[in-house]
C-alpha atoms as a PDB file:
ATOM      1  CA  MET A   1     -38.239 -59.320 101.896  1.00  0.00           C
ATOM      2  CA  GLU A   2     -40.714 -62.201 102.129  1.00  0.00           C
ATOM      3  CA  LYS A   3     -39.242 -65.402 103.516  1.00  0.00           C
ATOM      4  CA  ARG A   4     -40.282 -68.641 101.854  1.00  0.00           C
ATOM      5  CA  LEU A   5     -39.486 -72.309 102.368  1.00  0.00           C
ATOM      6  CA  HIS A   6     -38.759 -74.337  99.248  1.00  0.00           C
ATOM      7  CA  LEU A   7     -38.228 -78.039  98.757  1.00  0.00           C
ATOM      8  CA  SER A   8     -34.689 -78.980  97.810  1.00  0.00           C
ATOM      9  CA  PRO A   9     -34.921 -81.599  95.008  1.00  0.00           C
ATOM     10  CA  TRP A  10     -31.481 -83.074  95.609  1.00  0.00           C
ATOM     11  CA  GLY A  11     -32.031 -83.105  99.382  1.00  0.00           C
ATOM     12  CA  ILE A  12     -35.379 -84.876  98.973  1.00  0.00           C
ATOM     13  CA  LEU A  13     -33.802 -87.391  96.587  1.00  0.00           C
ATOM     14  CA  ARG A  14     -30.917 -88.157  98.962  1.00  0.00           C
ATOM     15  CA  PHE A  15     -33.269 -88.531 101.929  1.00  0.00           C
ATOM     16  CA  CYS A  16     -35.616 -90.822 100.000  1.00  0.00           C
ATOM     17  CA  ILE A  17     -32.736 -93.040  98.839  1.00  0.00           C
ATOM     18  CA  LEU A  18     -31.345 -93.299 102.378  1.00  0.00           C
ATOM     19  CA  PHE A  19     -34.791 -93.906 103.865  1.00  0.00           C
ATOM     20  CA  GLY A  20     -35.552 -96.522 101.197  1.00  0.00           C
ATOM     21  CA  ILE A  21     -32.313 -98.420 101.847  1.00  0.00           C
ATOM     22  CA  THR A  22     -32.938 -98.377 105.606  1.00  0.00           C
ATOM     23  CA  LEU A  23     -36.514 -99.523 105.092  1.00  0.00           C
ATOM     24  CA  TYR A  24     -35.343-102.405 102.895  1.00  0.00           C
ATOM     25  CA  LEU A  25     -32.770-103.469 105.488  1.00  0.00           C
ATOM     26  CA  TRP A  26     -35.369-103.319 108.253  1.00  0.00           C
ATOM     27  CA  ASN A  27     -37.799-105.359 106.174  1.00  0.00           C
ATOM     28  CA  PHE A  28     -35.076-107.951 105.568  1.00  0.00           C
ATOM     29  CA  PHE A  29     -33.572-108.182 109.084  1.00  0.00           C
ATOM     30  CA  ARG A  30     -36.579-107.090 111.172  1.00  0.00           C
ATOM     31  CA  SER A  31     -34.214-105.305 113.524  1.00  0.00           C
ATOM     32  CA  TYR A  32     -35.536-103.054 116.292  1.00  0.00           C
ATOM     33  CA  PHE A  33     -32.488-100.869 115.854  1.00  0.00           C
ATOM     34  CA  LEU A  34     -33.310-100.230 112.171  1.00  0.00           C
ATOM     35  CA  PHE A  35     -36.920 -99.550 113.106  1.00  0.00           C
ATOM     36  CA  LEU A  36     -35.685 -96.967 115.593  1.00  0.00           C
ATOM     37  CA  VAL A  37     -33.504 -95.402 112.879  1.00  0.00           C
ATOM     38  CA  LEU A  38     -36.510 -95.139 110.547  1.00  0.00           C
ATOM     39  CA  LEU A  39     -38.563 -93.530 113.298  1.00  0.00           C
ATOM     40  CA  LEU A  40     -35.801 -91.068 114.106  1.00  0.00           C
ATOM     41  CA  MET A  41     -35.410 -90.166 110.429  1.00  0.00           C
ATOM     42  CA  ALA A  42     -39.136 -89.474 110.037  1.00  0.00           C
ATOM     43  CA  CYS A  43     -39.406 -87.463 113.243  1.00  0.00           C
ATOM     44  CA  GLY A  44     -36.067 -85.747 112.613  1.00  0.00           C
ATOM     45  CA  SER A  45     -37.101 -84.505 109.184  1.00  0.00           C
ATOM     46  CA  ALA A  46     -40.278 -82.990 110.629  1.00  0.00           C
ATOM     47  CA  ALA A  47     -38.371 -81.411 113.538  1.00  0.00           C
ATOM     48  CA  SER A  48     -35.724 -80.096 111.151  1.00  0.00           C
ATOM     49  CA  PHE A  49     -38.422 -78.437 109.040  1.00  0.00           C
ATOM     50  CA  LEU A  50     -40.053 -76.829 112.087  1.00  0.00           C
ATOM     51  CA  LEU A  51     -36.741 -75.551 113.469  1.00  0.00           C
ATOM     52  CA  LEU A  52     -35.876 -73.910 110.146  1.00  0.00           C
ATOM     53  CA  TRP A  53     -39.301 -72.303 109.855  1.00  0.00           C
ATOM     54  CA  PHE A  54     -39.338 -70.895 113.395  1.00  0.00           C
ATOM     55  CA  SER A  55     -35.774 -69.607 112.976  1.00  0.00           C
ATOM     56  CA  ARG A  56     -36.566 -67.645 109.810  1.00  0.00           C
ATOM     57  CA  ASP A  57     -36.643 -64.279 111.626  1.00  0.00           C
ATOM     58  CA  LYS A  58     -33.382 -64.988 113.463  1.00  0.00           C
ATOM     59  CA  LEU A  59     -31.202 -65.399 110.371  1.00  0.00           C
ATOM     60  CA  ARG A  60     -29.580 -62.394 108.694  1.00  0.00           C
ATOM     61  CA  ALA A  61     -26.668 -61.868 106.299  1.00  0.00           C
ATOM     62  CA  GLN A  62     -24.296 -58.918 106.471  1.00  0.00           C
ATOM     63  CA  VAL A  63     -21.220 -57.602 104.661  1.00  0.00           C
ATOM     64  CA  VAL A  64     -18.579 -55.899 106.821  1.00  0.00           C
ATOM     65  CA  LEU A  65     -15.863 -53.715 105.286  1.00  0.00           C
ATOM     66  CA  PRO A  66     -12.910 -52.245 107.199  1.00  0.00           C
ATOM     67  CA  ALA A  67     -13.493 -48.588 106.251  1.00  0.00           C
ATOM     68  CA  GLU A  68     -15.307 -46.310 103.821  1.00  0.00           C
ATOM     69  CA  ARG A  69     -12.105 -45.462 101.957  1.00  0.00           C
ATOM     70  CA  VAL A  70      -8.885 -47.284 101.059  1.00  0.00           C
ATOM     71  CA  GLY A  71      -5.960 -46.517  98.778  1.00  0.00           C
ATOM     72  CA  ARG A  72      -5.548 -47.975  95.317  1.00  0.00           C
ATOM     73  CA  ASN A  73      -3.620 -51.297  95.204  1.00  0.00           C
ATOM     74  CA  ALA A  74      -4.017 -51.628  98.984  1.00  0.00           C
ATOM     75  CA  GLU A  75      -5.124 -55.066 100.136  1.00  0.00           C
ATOM     76  CA  PHE A  76      -7.961 -55.201 102.643  1.00  0.00           C
ATOM     77  CA  PHE A  77     -10.284 -57.813 104.074  1.00  0.00           C
ATOM     78  CA  PHE A  78     -14.054 -57.915 103.954  1.00  0.00           C
ATOM     79  CA  THR A  79     -16.271 -60.291 105.868  1.00  0.00           C
ATOM     80  CA  VAL A  80     -19.528 -61.921 104.809  1.00  0.00           C
ATOM     81  CA  LYS A  81     -21.450 -62.932 107.921  1.00  0.00           C
ATOM     82  CA  VAL A  82     -24.636 -64.910 108.513  1.00  0.00           C
ATOM     83  CA  HIS A  83     -26.059 -64.136 111.953  1.00  0.00           C
ATOM     84  CA  ASN A  84     -28.101 -66.745 113.812  1.00  0.00           C
ATOM     85  CA  SER A  85     -29.671 -65.336 116.961  1.00  0.00           C
ATOM     86  CA  GLY A  86     -31.349 -68.647 117.736  1.00  0.00           C
ATOM     87  CA  LYS A  87     -29.908 -70.725 120.566  1.00  0.00           C
ATOM     88  CA  ILE A  88     -30.902 -74.238 119.484  1.00  0.00           C
ATOM     89  CA  ALA A  89     -30.504 -75.113 115.820  1.00  0.00           C
ATOM     90  CA  SER A  90     -27.581 -74.782 113.430  1.00  0.00           C
ATOM     91  CA  PHE A  91     -27.888 -74.669 109.662  1.00  0.00           C
ATOM     92  CA  THR A  92     -25.935 -74.812 106.423  1.00  0.00           C
ATOM     93  CA  ALA A  93     -25.976 -71.719 104.213  1.00  0.00           C
ATOM     94  CA  ASP A  94     -25.148 -71.239 100.542  1.00  0.00           C
ATOM     95  CA  ILE A  95     -24.239 -67.603 100.027  1.00  0.00           C
ATOM     96  CA  THR A  96     -23.724 -65.995  96.605  1.00  0.00           C
ATOM     97  CA  TYR A  97     -21.953 -62.654  96.685  1.00  0.00           C
ATOM     98  CA  SER A  98     -20.397 -60.315  94.160  1.00  0.00           C
ATOM     99  CA  TRP A  99     -18.038 -57.391  94.210  1.00  0.00           C
ATOM    100  CA  SER A 100     -17.930 -54.770  91.497  1.00  0.00           C
ATOM    101  CA  ASN A 101     -16.073 -51.558  90.724  1.00  0.00           C
ATOM    102  CA  ILE A 102     -18.749 -49.098  89.603  1.00  0.00           C
ATOM    103  CA  PHE A 103     -16.207 -46.677  88.108  1.00  0.00           C
ATOM    104  CA  THR A 104     -14.536 -49.247  85.841  1.00  0.00           C
ATOM    105  CA  GLY A 105     -17.537 -51.519  85.277  1.00  0.00           C
ATOM    106  CA  TYR A 106     -15.697 -54.679  86.420  1.00  0.00           C
ATOM    107  CA  SER A 107     -17.585 -57.263  88.480  1.00  0.00           C
ATOM    108  CA  GLU A 108     -16.966 -60.730  89.883  1.00  0.00           C
ATOM    109  CA  ARG A 109     -19.413 -63.258  91.363  1.00  0.00           C
ATOM    110  CA  LYS A 110     -18.736 -66.169  93.722  1.00  0.00           C
ATOM    111  CA  LYS A 111     -20.631 -68.746  95.772  1.00  0.00           C
ATOM    112  CA  GLN A 112     -19.558 -70.410  99.014  1.00  0.00           C
ATOM    113  CA  ARG A 113     -21.034 -72.659 101.693  1.00  0.00           C
ATOM    114  CA  LEU A 114     -20.647 -72.058 105.410  1.00  0.00           C
ATOM    115  CA  TRP A 115     -21.857 -73.505 108.690  1.00  0.00           C
ATOM    116  CA  VAL A 116     -24.176 -71.261 110.739  1.00  0.00           C
ATOM    117  CA  ALA A 117     -23.841 -72.153 114.417  1.00  0.00           C
ATOM    118  CA  PRO A 118     -26.538 -71.240 116.973  1.00  0.00           C
ATOM    119  CA  GLY A 119     -25.875 -67.917 118.681  1.00  0.00           C
ATOM    120  CA  GLU A 120     -22.632 -67.291 116.810  1.00  0.00           C
ATOM    121  CA  GLY A 121     -23.552 -67.694 113.158  1.00  0.00           C
ATOM    122  CA  GLY A 122     -20.860 -68.132 110.517  1.00  0.00           C
ATOM    123  CA  GLU A 123     -18.601 -65.933 108.462  1.00  0.00           C
ATOM    124  CA  ILE A 124     -16.268 -65.885 105.475  1.00  0.00           C
ATOM    125  CA  LYS A 125     -13.251 -63.584 105.573  1.00  0.00           C
ATOM    126  CA  LEU A 126     -11.873 -62.715 102.147  1.00  0.00           C
ATOM    127  CA  ARG A 127      -9.028 -60.571 100.875  1.00  0.00           C
ATOM    128  CA  LEU A 128      -9.657 -57.979  98.214  1.00  0.00           C
ATOM    129  CA  SER A 129      -7.410 -55.625  96.299  1.00  0.00           C
ATOM    130  CA  SER A 130      -8.575 -53.170  93.647  1.00  0.00           C
ATOM    131  CA  ARG A 131      -6.050 -52.163  91.037  1.00  0.00           C
ATOM    132  CA  TYR A 132      -8.209 -49.243  89.915  1.00  0.00           C
ATOM    133  CA  ALA A 133      -9.857 -46.383  91.768  1.00  0.00           C
ATOM    134  CA  GLY A 134     -13.631 -46.386  92.091  1.00  0.00           C
ATOM    135  CA  ARG A 135     -16.535 -47.345  94.306  1.00  0.00           C
ATOM    136  CA  VAL A 136     -16.242 -51.038  95.125  1.00  0.00           C
ATOM    137  CA  GLU A 137     -19.558 -52.566  96.173  1.00  0.00           C
ATOM    138  CA  VAL A 138     -19.829 -55.953  97.856  1.00  0.00           C
ATOM    139  CA  ARG A 139     -23.337 -57.310  97.417  1.00  0.00           C
ATOM    140  CA  ILE A 140     -25.034 -60.464  98.679  1.00  0.00           C
ATOM    141  CA  GLU A 141     -26.858 -61.739  95.616  1.00  0.00           C
ATOM    142  CA  ALA A 142     -28.559 -64.764  97.161  1.00  0.00           C
ATOM    143  CA  LEU A 143     -28.761 -66.511 100.511  1.00  0.00           C
ATOM    144  CA  GLU A 144     -30.135 -70.025 100.967  1.00  0.00           C
ATOM    145  CA  ILE A 145     -30.435 -71.617 104.423  1.00  0.00           C
ATOM    146  CA  PHE A 146     -30.835 -75.414 104.573  1.00  0.00           C
ATOM    147  CA  ASP A 147     -32.193 -77.596 107.356  1.00  0.00           C
ATOM    148  CA  LEU A 148     -30.208 -80.462 108.867  1.00  0.00           C
ATOM    149  CA  PHE A 149     -31.323 -82.974 106.222  1.00  0.00           C
ATOM    150  CA  HIS A 150     -31.056 -80.460 103.349  1.00  0.00           C
ATOM    151  CA  MET A 151     -34.635 -81.256 102.381  1.00  0.00           C
ATOM    152  CA  PHE A 152     -35.884 -77.673 102.758  1.00  0.00           C
ATOM    153  CA  CYS A 153     -34.370 -74.349 101.788  1.00  0.00           C
ATOM    154  CA  LEU A 154     -35.223 -70.944 103.255  1.00  0.00           C
ATOM    155  CA  ARG A 155     -34.879 -67.986 100.886  1.00  0.00           C
ATOM    156  CA  GLY A 156     -35.498 -64.278 101.328  1.00  0.00           C
ATOM    157  CA  CYS A 157     -33.559 -63.746 104.559  1.00  0.00           C
ATOM    158  CA  ASP A 158     -32.624 -60.189 105.453  1.00  0.00           C
ATOM    159  CA  ARG A 159     -29.260 -59.105 104.091  1.00  0.00           C
ATOM    160  CA  SER A 160     -27.207 -55.941 103.807  1.00  0.00           C
ATOM    161  CA  ASP A 161     -24.633 -54.742 101.295  1.00  0.00           C
ATOM    162  CA  ALA A 162     -21.602 -52.504 101.754  1.00  0.00           C
ATOM    163  CA  TYR A 163     -19.167 -50.432  99.723  1.00  0.00           C
ATOM    164  CA  VAL A 164     -15.730 -48.877  99.959  1.00  0.00           C
ATOM    165  CA  ILE A 165     -14.256 -46.009  97.944  1.00  0.00           C
ATOM    166  CA  VAL A 166     -10.872 -46.921  96.444  1.00  0.00           C
ATOM    167  CA  TRP A 167      -9.110 -43.557  96.350  1.00  0.00           C
ATOM    168  CA  PRO A 168      -6.632 -42.489  93.653  1.00  0.00           C
ATOM    169  CA  ALA A 169      -3.025 -41.874  94.638  1.00  0.00           C
ATOM    170  CA  PHE A 170      -2.463 -38.334  95.916  1.00  0.00           C
ATOM    171  CA  THR A 171       0.583 -36.300  94.896  1.00  0.00           C
ATOM    172  CA  GLU A 172       1.644 -33.548  97.284  1.00  0.00           C
ATOM    173  CA  THR A 173       1.656 -30.289  95.305  1.00  0.00           C
ATOM    174  CA  ASP A 174       1.061 -27.599  97.931  1.00  0.00           C
ATOM    175  CA  GLY A 175       4.565 -26.212  97.468  1.00  0.00           C
ATOM    176  CA  GLU A 176       4.295 -25.943  93.693  1.00  0.00           C
ATOM    177  CA  GLU A 177       3.273 -22.932  91.654  1.00  0.00           C
ATOM    178  CA  LEU A 178       0.266 -23.163  89.380  1.00  0.00           C
ATOM    179  CA  GLN A 179       2.330 -21.885  86.459  1.00  0.00           C
ATOM    180  CA  SER A 180       4.609 -24.941  86.729  1.00  0.00           C
ATOM    181  CA  CYS A 181       1.718 -27.477  86.653  1.00  0.00           C
ATOM    182  CA  VAL A 182      -0.739 -25.762  84.306  1.00  0.00           C
ATOM    183  CA  GLU A 183       0.252 -24.708  80.843  1.00  0.00           C
ATOM    184  CA  ASP A 184      -0.196 -20.924  80.242  1.00  0.00           C
ATOM    185  CA  PHE A 185      -1.861 -20.349  83.613  1.00  0.00           C
ATOM    186  CA  PRO A 186      -2.071 -16.574  84.300  1.00  0.00           C
ATOM    187  CA  GLN A 187       0.391 -15.029  86.725  1.00  0.00           C
ATOM    188  CA  GLU A 188      -0.856 -13.737  90.058  1.00  0.00           C
ATOM    189  CA  ASN A 189      -0.446 -10.121  88.941  1.00  0.00           C
ATOM    190  CA  GLU A 190      -2.418 -10.595  85.739  1.00  0.00           C
ATOM    191  CA  THR A 191      -5.918  -9.119  85.686  1.00  0.00           C
ATOM    192  CA  LYS A 192      -7.333 -11.614  83.205  1.00  0.00           C
ATOM    193  CA  LYS A 193     -10.847 -12.675  84.164  1.00  0.00           C
ATOM    194  CA  ARG A 194     -10.918 -16.390  84.887  1.00  0.00           C
ATOM    195  CA  GLY A 195     -14.512 -16.964  85.930  1.00  0.00           C
ATOM    196  CA  VAL A 196     -17.261 -15.987  88.333  1.00  0.00           C
ATOM    197  CA  ASP A 197     -16.481 -14.622  91.801  1.00  0.00           C
ATOM    198  CA  TYR A 198     -17.368 -16.818  94.777  1.00  0.00           C
ATOM    199  CA  ASN A 199     -16.873 -16.909  98.503  1.00  0.00           C
ATOM    200  CA  PRO A 200     -16.857 -19.905 100.849  1.00  0.00           C
ATOM    201  CA  ASP A 201     -19.141 -17.980 103.262  1.00  0.00           C
ATOM    202  CA  TYR A 202     -22.915 -18.369 103.210  1.00  0.00           C
ATOM    203  CA  GLU A 203     -26.049 -16.322 103.509  1.00  0.00           C
ATOM    204  CA  ILE A 204     -29.435 -17.747 104.490  1.00  0.00           C
ATOM    205  CA  ARG A 205     -32.534 -17.157 102.378  1.00  0.00           C
ATOM    206  CA  GLU A 206     -35.912 -18.766 101.701  1.00  0.00           C
ATOM    207  CA  TYR A 207     -36.146 -21.781  99.412  1.00  0.00           C
ATOM    208  CA  ILE A 208     -36.838 -21.095  95.736  1.00  0.00           C
ATOM    209  CA  PRO A 209     -38.071 -23.907  93.446  1.00  0.00           C
ATOM    210  CA  GLY A 210     -35.036 -25.256  91.612  1.00  0.00           C
ATOM    211  CA  ASP A 211     -32.597 -24.978  94.533  1.00  0.00           C
ATOM    212  CA  GLU A 212     -30.536 -28.105  95.188  1.00  0.00           C
ATOM    213  CA  LEU A 213     -31.668 -30.245  98.114  1.00  0.00           C
ATOM    214  CA  LYS A 214     -28.123 -30.393  99.501  1.00  0.00           C
ATOM    215  CA  SER A 215     -28.165 -26.600 100.035  1.00  0.00           C
ATOM    216  CA  ILE A 216     -31.211 -26.770 102.367  1.00  0.00           C
ATOM    217  CA  HIS A 217     -30.461 -25.810 105.986  1.00  0.00           C
ATOM    218  CA  TRP A 218     -32.571 -28.524 107.627  1.00  0.00           C
ATOM    219  CA  LYS A 219     -32.161 -27.489 111.277  1.00  0.00           C
ATOM    220  CA  LEU A 220     -33.060 -23.883 110.591  1.00  0.00           C
ATOM    221  CA  SER A 221     -35.929 -24.979 108.330  1.00  0.00           C
ATOM    222  CA  ALA A 222     -37.364 -27.023 111.202  1.00  0.00           C
ATOM    223  CA  LYS A 223     -37.239 -23.996 113.508  1.00  0.00           C
ATOM    224  CA  GLN A 224     -38.658 -21.576 110.948  1.00  0.00           C
ATOM    225  CA  LYS A 225     -41.237 -24.139 109.738  1.00  0.00           C
ATOM    226  CA  GLU A 226     -40.331 -23.280 106.135  1.00  0.00           C
ATOM    227  CA  LEU A 227     -37.492 -24.339 103.884  1.00  0.00           C
ATOM    228  CA  MET A 228     -34.335 -22.221 104.170  1.00  0.00           C
ATOM    229  CA  VAL A 229     -31.243 -22.621 101.987  1.00  0.00           C
ATOM    230  CA  ARG A 230     -27.589 -21.594 102.226  1.00  0.00           C
ATOM    231  CA  GLU A 231     -26.204 -19.529  99.371  1.00  0.00           C
ATOM    232  CA  ARG A 232     -22.604 -18.522  98.805  1.00  0.00           C
ATOM    233  CA  LEU A 233     -21.639 -14.856  98.865  1.00  0.00           C
ATOM    234  CA  ALA A 234     -19.601 -13.144  96.188  1.00  0.00           C
ATOM    235  CA  THR A 235     -15.935 -12.349  96.730  1.00  0.00           C
ATOM    236  CA  GLY A 236     -12.982 -10.943  94.861  1.00  0.00           C
ATOM    237  CA  ARG A 237     -11.239 -14.286  94.310  1.00  0.00           C
ATOM    238  CA  ASP A 238     -11.796 -15.733  90.833  1.00  0.00           C
ATOM    239  CA  LYS A 239     -13.321 -19.146  90.332  1.00  0.00           C
ATOM    240  CA  ILE A 240     -11.324 -21.587  88.208  1.00  0.00           C
ATOM    241  CA  ASN A 241     -13.138 -23.942  85.861  1.00  0.00           C
ATOM    242  CA  VAL A 242     -11.588 -27.429  85.769  1.00  0.00           C
ATOM    243  CA  LEU A 243     -12.646 -30.043  83.196  1.00  0.00           C
ATOM    244  CA  LEU A 244     -12.012 -33.731  83.901  1.00  0.00           C
ATOM    245  CA  PRO A 245     -12.232 -35.569  80.525  1.00  0.00           C
ATOM    246  CA  LEU A 246     -12.840 -39.213  81.468  1.00  0.00           C
ATOM    247  CA  LEU A 247     -11.935 -41.665  78.694  1.00  0.00           C
ATOM    248  CA  GLU A 248     -12.546 -45.279  77.654  1.00  0.00           C
ATOM    249  CA  ASP A 249      -9.360 -46.629  79.255  1.00  0.00           C
ATOM    250  CA  ARG A 250      -9.251 -47.583  82.966  1.00  0.00           C
ATOM    251  CA  GLU A 251      -5.506 -46.931  83.257  1.00  0.00           C
ATOM    252  CA  LEU A 252      -5.813 -43.435  81.775  1.00  0.00           C
ATOM    253  CA  ASN A 253      -8.828 -42.645  83.953  1.00  0.00           C
ATOM    254  CA  ASP A 254      -6.836 -43.532  87.060  1.00  0.00           C
ATOM    255  CA  GLY A 255      -4.131 -41.085  85.991  1.00  0.00           C
ATOM    256  CA  LEU A 256      -6.696 -38.384  85.243  1.00  0.00           C
ATOM    257  CA  MET A 257      -8.340 -38.837  88.645  1.00  0.00           C
ATOM    258  CA  GLU A 258      -4.966 -38.558  90.384  1.00  0.00           C
ATOM    259  CA  ALA A 259      -4.130 -35.407  88.403  1.00  0.00           C
ATOM    260  CA  ALA A 260      -7.554 -33.871  89.132  1.00  0.00           C
ATOM    261  CA  ASP A 261      -7.226 -34.595  92.846  1.00  0.00           C
ATOM    262  CA  SER A 262      -3.731 -33.118  93.056  1.00  0.00           C
ATOM    263  CA  LEU A 263      -4.509 -30.052  90.947  1.00  0.00           C
ATOM    264  CA  CYS A 264      -7.754 -29.203  92.751  1.00  0.00           C
ATOM    265  CA  ARG A 265      -5.981 -29.533  96.099  1.00  0.00           C
ATOM    266  CA  LEU A 266      -3.348 -27.101  94.865  1.00  0.00           C
ATOM    267  CA  LEU A 267      -5.977 -24.618  93.635  1.00  0.00           C
ATOM    268  CA  LEU A 268      -7.772 -24.753  96.983  1.00  0.00           C
ATOM    269  CA  HIS A 269      -4.452 -24.314  98.783  1.00  0.00           C
ATOM    270  CA  LYS A 270      -3.889 -21.168  96.695  1.00  0.00           C
ATOM    271  CA  GLU A 271      -7.411 -20.051  97.737  1.00  0.00           C
ATOM    272  CA  TYR A 272      -8.958 -20.461  94.298  1.00  0.00           C
ATOM    273  CA  PRO A 273     -12.546 -21.819  94.385  1.00  0.00           C
ATOM    274  CA  VAL A 274     -13.035 -24.537  91.753  1.00  0.00           C
ATOM    275  CA  GLN A 275     -15.918 -25.350  89.431  1.00  0.00           C
ATOM    276  CA  LEU A 276     -15.239 -28.983  88.521  1.00  0.00           C
ATOM    277  CA  TYR A 277     -16.881 -30.447  85.401  1.00  0.00           C
ATOM    278  CA  TRP A 278     -16.890 -34.072  84.223  1.00  0.00           C
ATOM    279  CA  PRO A 279     -18.978 -36.283  81.869  1.00  0.00           C
ATOM    280  CA  GLY A 280     -21.794 -38.142  83.602  1.00  0.00           C
ATOM    281  CA  ARG A 281     -24.243 -40.763  82.366  1.00  0.00           C
ATOM    282  CA  GLY A 282     -24.956 -40.391  78.682  1.00  0.00           C
ATOM    283  CA  ASP A 283     -21.924 -38.074  78.426  1.00  0.00           C
ATOM    284  CA  ILE A 284     -24.030 -35.306  79.995  1.00  0.00           C
ATOM    285  CA  LEU A 285     -21.751 -32.689  81.538  1.00  0.00           C
ATOM    286  CA  GLN A 286     -21.906 -32.564  85.345  1.00  0.00           C
ATOM    287  CA  GLY A 287     -20.587 -29.698  87.454  1.00  0.00           C
ATOM    288  CA  ARG A 288     -20.006 -28.997  91.142  1.00  0.00           C
ATOM    289  CA  PHE A 289     -18.626 -25.955  92.950  1.00  0.00           C
ATOM    290  CA  VAL A 290     -15.773 -26.699  95.366  1.00  0.00           C
ATOM    291  CA  ALA A 291     -14.344 -24.252  97.896  1.00  0.00           C
ATOM    292  CA  GLU A 292     -13.181 -26.587 100.676  1.00  0.00           C
ATOM    293  CA  GLN A 293     -11.221 -29.805 100.949  1.00  0.00           C
ATOM    294  CA  GLY A 294     -14.238 -31.725 102.268  1.00  0.00           C
ATOM    295  CA  GLU A 295     -16.327 -30.616  99.283  1.00  0.00           C
ATOM    296  CA  LEU A 296     -13.596 -31.829  96.916  1.00  0.00           C
ATOM    297  CA  GLU A 297     -13.597 -35.267  98.538  1.00  0.00           C
ATOM    298  CA  ASN A 298     -17.393 -35.457  98.253  1.00  0.00           C
ATOM    299  CA  VAL A 299     -17.279 -34.564  94.546  1.00  0.00           C
ATOM    300  CA  LEU A 300     -14.513 -37.075  93.797  1.00  0.00           C
ATOM    301  CA  SER A 301     -16.504 -39.740  95.660  1.00  0.00           C
ATOM    302  CA  GLU A 302     -19.512 -38.882  93.495  1.00  0.00           C
ATOM    303  CA  ILE A 303     -17.424 -39.244  90.318  1.00  0.00           C
ATOM    304  CA  LEU A 304     -15.947 -42.574  91.457  1.00  0.00           C
ATOM    305  CA  SER A 305     -19.445 -43.868  92.275  1.00  0.00           C
ATOM    306  CA  ASP A 306     -20.598 -43.726  88.649  1.00  0.00           C
ATOM    307  CA  ASN A 307     -19.475 -45.359  85.404  1.00  0.00           C
ATOM    308  CA  GLY A 308     -16.229 -43.638  84.420  1.00  0.00           C
ATOM    309  CA  LEU A 309     -15.842 -44.983  80.879  1.00  0.00           C
ATOM    310  CA  HIS A 310     -16.731 -42.310  78.290  1.00  0.00           C
ATOM    311  CA  ARG A 311     -16.073 -41.422  74.667  1.00  0.00           C
ATOM    312  CA  VAL A 312     -12.869 -39.556  73.886  1.00  0.00           C
ATOM    313  CA  GLY A 313     -13.585 -35.856  73.446  1.00  0.00           C
ATOM    314  CA  ALA A 314     -17.120 -36.039  74.892  1.00  0.00           C
ATOM    315  CA  ALA A 315     -16.327 -33.717  77.821  1.00  0.00           C
ATOM    316  CA  GLU A 316     -14.600 -31.074  75.650  1.00  0.00           C
ATOM    317  CA  THR A 317     -17.505 -31.096  73.188  1.00  0.00           C
ATOM    318  CA  GLN A 318     -20.115 -30.655  75.912  1.00  0.00           C
ATOM    319  CA  MET A 319     -18.046 -27.925  77.567  1.00  0.00           C
ATOM    320  CA  ALA A 320     -17.873 -25.961  74.302  1.00  0.00           C
ATOM    321  CA  VAL A 321     -21.637 -26.309  73.810  1.00  0.00           C
ATOM    322  CA  GLU A 322     -22.793 -25.497  77.346  1.00  0.00           C
ATOM    323  CA  HIS A 323     -20.125 -22.949  78.341  1.00  0.00           C
ATOM    324  CA  PRO A 324     -18.911 -21.324  75.116  1.00  0.00           C
ATOM    325  CA  GLY A 325     -16.016 -18.903  75.489  1.00  0.00           C
ATOM    326  CA  GLU A 326     -15.285 -19.761  79.148  1.00  0.00           C
ATOM    327  CA  SER A 327     -11.710 -20.491  80.191  1.00  0.00           C
ATOM    328  CA  TYR A 328     -10.957 -23.763  81.934  1.00  0.00           C
ATOM    329  CA  ILE A 329      -8.141 -26.094  82.918  1.00  0.00           C
ATOM    330  CA  LEU A 330      -8.205 -29.343  80.951  1.00  0.00           C
ATOM    331  CA  ILE A 331      -6.903 -32.164  83.138  1.00  0.00           C
ATOM    332  CA  ARG A 332      -4.153 -34.188  81.507  1.00  0.00           C
ATOM    333  CA  THR A 333      -1.461 -36.587  82.606  1.00  0.00           C
ATOM    334  CA  GLY A 334       2.184 -36.214  81.739  1.00  0.00           C
ATOM    335  CA  ALA A 335       4.777 -33.565  82.459  1.00  0.00           C
ATOM    336  CA  TYR A 336       2.069 -31.173  83.652  1.00  0.00           C
ATOM    337  CA  LYS A 337      -1.361 -31.731  85.121  1.00  0.00           C
ATOM    338  CA  GLY A 338      -3.466 -29.431  82.971  1.00  0.00           C
ATOM    339  CA  ALA A 339      -3.766 -27.082  80.035  1.00  0.00           C
ATOM    340  CA  TYR A 340      -5.369 -23.650  80.439  1.00  0.00           C
ATOM    341  CA  ILE A 341      -7.787 -23.334  77.540  1.00  0.00           C
ATOM    342  CA  ARG A 342      -8.986 -19.899  76.425  1.00  0.00           C
END
């Protein structure tokens, strides 16, 4: 980002008023001391400008968060820092920052002033607690660095943003049976077809246009000097379709996310691969295959990192259009965590 120095109107006005008063007093008293003050003010303003300009590459703002993931309703601290690698001059900084929950659409914006000492810089430590799950981003919107006399303002300093995933509450369900949490879920001895067969193992093949970038085996591609992808092998274990119908209410969405997390964990524990569907931007149905716990966490992070407010019934409608006749578990909250739709 290009760094530019701007005149500060209020700073110029204050300096001119102070300089004018001092000049009037000197003209009235003819004091050598007042003359020295005028000289120091003139030279000091020039030196202050030069120090700010030559320090422009030594000033940087940063947001520091404690971790990449925290629990819902858990209080945590984040720090907004302004680094000053210079060893001579100190400055005053006005920093405007915001934090927003991408999943719920809520945002808040604040502005604070801090003192940036040479070598050490300055920081603001703030407490944050998110009532709802989602991706919480802390962003530095604007950073203004002022010289000693506040006559000049430096804008465009380097700055970095940060985020934390606020995770939904997890309910331990490994000991439960699927029939007790999902309405009309088939018994283990039933032969009813529930989906497509998948296997968590992989085979390696050459890249075909249309393959997802995340399936590319980059290390092997570098050795082979051509793109290679990993593809899952078929197996005898049935895949279970799970539909997460996000709604227009933040409270209900939190409950649905908790139920989806718990139910998918249980399905994986029972060795059922999961095809998880949810409404994305524009109510377009999104889907990801999940066969491991790490993949489930990645998918849930992806869902929480997008706007989660959607029309009621949008997911069910899209599911019926794009996957007609397929069975799936509809995530709900209440006495049970899903309904097996046929």
